[in-house]
Amino acid sequence: MYIIKVKGKAKIPDYIQIRDENFVLVAYFRADRPLKKIEKFGLEGKEAELEQLIKELPFGKLKKLSL
């Protein structure tokens, strides 16, 4: 899976996209709110690590998600 942070403009907030190996969008959520149903993506128990990654992730840079 891959993760990318998208910069919002004006009243639109920053968003996070999680994409699978074929770059199909599997999750799309606000960067300032936790991901709901995280177990659906096999990331349960890794919420703190994912939150830290989101804080450090630069905008617009696609990164391989390996937690």
C-alpha atoms as a PDB file:
ATOM      1  CA  MET A   1       0.000   0.000   0.000  1.00  0.00           C
ATOM      2  CA  TYR A   2       0.985   3.612  -0.536  1.00  0.00           C
ATOM      3  CA  ILE A   3       0.185   6.819   1.334  1.00  0.00           C
ATOM      4  CA  ILE A   4       0.106  10.432   0.162  1.00  0.00           C
ATOM      5  CA  LYS A   5      -0.753  13.670   1.982  1.00  0.00           C
ATOM      6  CA  VAL A   6      -2.765  16.189  -0.052  1.00  0.00           C
ATOM      7  CA  LYS A   7      -2.631  19.886   0.870  1.00  0.00           C
ATOM      8  CA  GLY A   8      -5.998  21.571   1.275  1.00  0.00           C
ATOM      9  CA  LYS A   9      -6.766  25.107   0.140  1.00  0.00           C
ATOM     10  CA  ALA A  10      -8.778  27.820   1.896  1.00  0.00           C
ATOM     11  CA  LYS A  11     -11.614  26.031   3.711  1.00  0.00           C
ATOM     12  CA  ILE A  12     -10.723  22.586   2.363  1.00  0.00           C
ATOM     13  CA  PRO A  13      -8.657  20.631   4.940  1.00  0.00           C
ATOM     14  CA  ASP A  14      -5.571  18.503   4.319  1.00  0.00           C
ATOM     15  CA  TYR A  15      -6.352  14.905   3.356  1.00  0.00           C
ATOM     16  CA  ILE A  16      -4.609  11.542   3.403  1.00  0.00           C
ATOM     17  CA  GLN A  17      -5.003   8.965   0.646  1.00  0.00           C
ATOM     18  CA  ILE A  18      -4.121   5.309   1.060  1.00  0.00           C
ATOM     19  CA  ARG A  19      -3.793   3.389  -2.206  1.00  0.00           C
ATOM     20  CA  ASP A  20      -3.203  -0.293  -2.918  1.00  0.00           C
ATOM     21  CA  GLU A  21      -0.432  -1.823  -5.037  1.00  0.00           C
ATOM     22  CA  ASN A  22      -2.354  -0.909  -8.222  1.00  0.00           C
ATOM     23  CA  PHE A  23      -2.778   2.687  -6.983  1.00  0.00           C
ATOM     24  CA  VAL A  24      -6.516   2.205  -6.490  1.00  0.00           C
ATOM     25  CA  LEU A  25      -7.837   4.483  -3.746  1.00  0.00           C
ATOM     26  CA  VAL A  26      -8.784   2.388  -0.685  1.00  0.00           C
ATOM     27  CA  ALA A  27      -9.028   5.112   1.988  1.00  0.00           C
ATOM     28  CA  TYR A  28      -9.443   8.873   1.960  1.00  0.00           C
ATOM     29  CA  PHE A  29      -9.669  10.826   5.223  1.00  0.00           C
ATOM     30  CA  ARG A  30      -8.824  14.144   6.843  1.00  0.00           C
ATOM     31  CA  ALA A  31      -5.273  14.416   8.134  1.00  0.00           C
ATOM     32  CA  ASP A  32      -6.449  15.889  11.444  1.00  0.00           C
ATOM     33  CA  ARG A  33      -8.917  13.065  12.174  1.00  0.00           C
ATOM     34  CA  PRO A  34      -8.096   9.431  12.854  1.00  0.00           C
ATOM     35  CA  LEU A  35      -8.891   6.767  10.301  1.00  0.00           C
ATOM     36  CA  LYS A  36     -12.066   4.844  11.059  1.00  0.00           C
ATOM     37  CA  LYS A  37     -12.216   1.068  10.536  1.00  0.00           C
ATOM     38  CA  ILE A  38      -8.419   0.804  10.344  1.00  0.00           C
ATOM     39  CA  GLU A  39      -8.630  -2.991  10.805  1.00  0.00           C
ATOM     40  CA  LYS A  40     -10.134  -3.151   7.294  1.00  0.00           C
ATOM     41  CA  PHE A  41      -6.666  -2.336   5.909  1.00  0.00           C
ATOM     42  CA  GLY A  42      -4.663  -4.636   8.200  1.00  0.00           C
ATOM     43  CA  LEU A  43      -3.335  -1.725  10.259  1.00  0.00           C
ATOM     44  CA  GLU A  44      -5.046  -2.426  13.595  1.00  0.00           C
ATOM     45  CA  GLY A  45      -2.782  -1.804  16.566  1.00  0.00           C
ATOM     46  CA  LYS A  46      -0.639   0.595  14.509  1.00  0.00           C
ATOM     47  CA  GLU A  47      -2.689   3.752  15.022  1.00  0.00           C
ATOM     48  CA  ALA A  48       0.099   5.607  16.879  1.00  0.00           C
ATOM     49  CA  GLU A  49       2.665   4.732  14.194  1.00  0.00           C
ATOM     50  CA  LEU A  50       0.284   5.813  11.422  1.00  0.00           C
ATOM     51  CA  GLU A  51      -0.483   9.090  13.211  1.00  0.00           C
ATOM     52  CA  GLN A  52       3.251   9.838  13.569  1.00  0.00           C
ATOM     53  CA  LEU A  53       3.846   8.998   9.898  1.00  0.00           C
ATOM     54  CA  ILE A  54       1.049  11.367   8.853  1.00  0.00           C
ATOM     55  CA  LYS A  55       2.574  14.209  10.902  1.00  0.00           C
ATOM     56  CA  GLU A  56       6.010  13.706   9.316  1.00  0.00           C
ATOM     57  CA  LEU A  57       4.814  13.010   5.759  1.00  0.00           C
ATOM     58  CA  PRO A  58       5.513  15.877   3.333  1.00  0.00           C
ATOM     59  CA  PHE A  59       2.680  17.067   1.104  1.00  0.00           C
ATOM     60  CA  GLY A  60       2.443  15.566  -2.361  1.00  0.00           C
ATOM     61  CA  LYS A  61       5.049  12.829  -1.853  1.00  0.00           C
ATOM     62  CA  LEU A  62       3.906   9.267  -2.488  1.00  0.00           C
ATOM     63  CA  LYS A  63       5.385   6.892   0.081  1.00  0.00           C
ATOM     64  CA  LYS A  64       5.286   3.102   0.416  1.00  0.00           C
ATOM     65  CA  LEU A  65       3.269   2.334   3.554  1.00  0.00           C
ATOM     66  CA  SER A  66       5.207  -0.141   5.659  1.00  0.00           C
ATOM     67  CA  LEU A  67       4.301  -0.173   9.345  1.00  0.00           C
END
